[in-house]
Protein backbone atom coordinates (compact mmCIF):
# COMPACT_ATOMS: atom_id res chain seq x y z
CA MET A 1 0.23 38.31 -63.00
CA ALA A 2 0.74 38.02 -67.16
CA GLU A 3 2.44 34.84 -68.18
CA GLU A 4 5.73 36.74 -69.91
CA ALA A 5 6.33 38.51 -66.47
CA LEU A 6 6.50 36.02 -64.07
CA LYS A 7 9.06 34.07 -66.54
CA ASN A 8 11.08 37.50 -66.52
CA SER A 9 11.04 37.08 -62.93
CA PHE A 10 12.46 33.70 -62.62
CA LEU A 11 14.83 34.24 -65.49
CA GLN A 12 16.58 37.03 -64.04
CA GLN A 13 17.45 34.40 -61.75
CA SER A 14 20.39 33.26 -63.23
CA ARG A 15 21.14 30.87 -60.65
CA GLY A 16 18.13 28.90 -61.45
CA VAL A 17 15.11 27.42 -59.57
CA THR A 18 14.52 25.33 -56.80
CA ARG A 19 11.77 22.92 -56.23
CA ILE A 20 11.07 21.96 -52.46
CA MET A 21 9.43 18.33 -51.36
CA VAL A 22 9.61 15.23 -49.07
CA ASP A 23 12.69 13.43 -49.93
CA THR A 24 10.98 10.02 -49.95
CA SER A 25 8.51 11.07 -53.07
CA PHE A 26 11.89 12.66 -54.49
CA ASN A 27 13.65 8.97 -53.92
CA LYS A 28 10.77 7.49 -55.24
CA TYR A 29 9.26 9.43 -58.09
CA GLY A 30 12.18 12.43 -58.65
CA ILE A 31 10.99 16.09 -59.24
CA GLY A 32 7.92 15.71 -61.43
CA GLN A 33 4.28 14.85 -60.41
CA VAL A 34 2.12 12.47 -62.07
CA ASP A 35 1.17 14.64 -64.91
CA GLY A 36 5.17 15.19 -65.18
CA THR A 37 5.34 18.78 -63.96
CA SER A 38 6.96 19.93 -61.04
CA PHE A 39 6.17 23.18 -59.15
CA VAL A 40 9.20 25.35 -58.60
CA MET A 41 10.13 28.97 -57.22
CA THR A 42 13.26 31.08 -57.53
CA ARG A 43 16.33 30.03 -55.41
CA ARG A 44 16.60 33.56 -53.83
CA GLU A 45 12.86 33.00 -52.22
CA ALA A 46 13.79 29.52 -51.67
CA ASP A 47 16.55 30.47 -49.39
CA GLU A 48 14.53 33.42 -47.83
CA ILE A 49 11.84 30.96 -46.69
CA ILE A 50 14.45 28.56 -45.17
CA ARG A 51 15.74 31.54 -43.40
CA ALA A 52 12.58 32.89 -42.33
CA ALA A 53 11.61 29.73 -41.03
CA GLU A 54 14.39 29.44 -39.03
CA ASN A 55 15.36 26.18 -41.26
CA ASP A 56 12.15 24.32 -39.66
CA PRO A 57 10.58 22.11 -42.15
CA VAL A 58 7.05 22.34 -40.43
CA LYS A 59 7.41 26.15 -40.96
CA ILE A 60 8.42 25.80 -44.29
CA ALA A 61 5.53 23.69 -45.62
CA ASN A 62 3.15 26.16 -44.04
CA ALA A 63 4.74 28.32 -45.96
CA LEU A 64 4.60 26.51 -49.44
CA GLY A 65 1.14 25.29 -48.99
CA ILE A 66 2.84 21.69 -48.65
CA PRO A 67 0.43 19.71 -46.27
CA GLN A 68 2.12 18.75 -43.16
CA SER A 69 0.64 15.71 -43.28
CA GLN A 70 3.23 15.10 -45.80
CA LEU A 71 6.06 15.50 -43.22
CA LYS A 72 5.59 12.05 -41.59
CA ASN A 73 6.51 9.95 -44.20
CA GLY A 74 10.23 12.01 -44.44
CA SER A 75 11.87 15.04 -44.60
CA LEU A 76 12.08 18.04 -46.96
CA VAL A 77 14.60 18.15 -49.36
CA ARG A 78 15.71 21.20 -51.73
CA ILE A 79 16.23 20.72 -55.44
CA ASP A 80 18.11 23.48 -57.23
CA ILE A 81 17.69 23.14 -60.70
CA SER A 82 19.58 24.80 -63.44
CA ASN A 83 18.31 25.81 -66.87
CA PRO A 84 14.56 26.03 -66.10
CA ARG A 85 14.01 27.67 -69.35
CA SER A 86 15.00 24.32 -71.14
CA ALA A 87 12.41 22.45 -68.80
CA GLY A 88 9.39 24.65 -70.11
CA LEU A 89 9.00 27.07 -67.45
CA ARG A 90 5.67 28.43 -67.26
CA VAL A 91 3.09 30.38 -64.93
CA PRO A 92 0.78 27.14 -63.24
CA SER A 93 -2.37 26.73 -64.40
CA GLY A 94 -4.17 25.29 -61.02
CA ASN A 95 -4.57 21.73 -62.77
CA GLU A 96 -1.16 20.36 -62.55
CA ALA A 97 -1.07 17.18 -60.73
CA GLY A 98 0.82 19.11 -57.30
CA ALA A 99 -1.94 21.68 -57.08
CA ASN A 100 -4.12 21.43 -54.14
CA SER A 101 -6.50 23.08 -51.71
CA GLN A 102 -3.99 26.24 -51.07
CA TRP A 103 -3.54 26.81 -54.64
CA ILE A 104 -3.56 30.75 -55.34
CA PRO A 105 -3.83 31.86 -59.08
CA GLU A 106 -1.08 33.90 -61.15
CA GLY A 107 1.69 32.35 -59.78
CA LYS A 108 1.69 32.82 -55.93
CA LEU A 109 2.15 30.85 -52.94
CA PRO A 110 0.78 31.15 -49.41
CA ASN A 111 3.52 33.31 -48.44
CA GLY A 112 3.16 35.61 -51.42
CA SER A 113 6.12 34.16 -53.17
CA LEU A 114 6.08 33.68 -57.18
CA GLU A 115 6.05 29.98 -57.83
CA ALA A 116 6.18 28.63 -61.40
CA VAL A 117 6.04 25.04 -63.09
CA ILE A 118 8.19 23.59 -65.58
CA ASP A 119 8.43 19.74 -67.30
CA ALA A 120 10.25 17.32 -65.06
CA THR A 121 10.75 14.92 -67.93
CA LYS A 122 12.55 17.74 -69.80
CA VAL A 123 14.89 17.89 -66.66
CA LYS A 124 18.33 15.92 -66.41
CA LYS A 125 19.96 14.68 -63.70
CA ASP A 126 22.82 16.97 -64.02
CA MET A 127 20.91 19.90 -64.11
CA LEU A 128 20.01 18.81 -60.15
CA LYS A 129 21.53 19.75 -56.86
CA VAL A 130 19.67 18.09 -53.80
CA ARG A 131 19.99 19.13 -50.27
CA LYS A 132 17.92 18.24 -47.31
CA ILE A 133 16.60 20.84 -45.12
CA GLY A 134 16.55 20.64 -41.41
CA ASN A 135 18.28 18.40 -38.77
């Protein structure tokens, strides 16, 4: 998928983007990886993944390509991020620190949903809304 097409798909989602991650990592490091990037999806797709997984963190992790071993360290949190354009929204290259063996080219998640990358260093605290997922 071309970079511009992915950006347009994300930017059509006027509610912003979402990052789902383990709470202990978020509390310790914030939304970014060691290279300052952060994988995100549209809020609508996050809603659909959570609903289809019946709010089950293991099913959500599988859908997103998050290794289940990470769930041993904490619970999942949903972080909604407003104004992703100001944070350098783009197609992931696969070279980001958060890319793992389940990474798929052209901005796709294992379940077929779209993903993009933002620069976490450009995200201000007032752009975040954080909620716990699951029990």
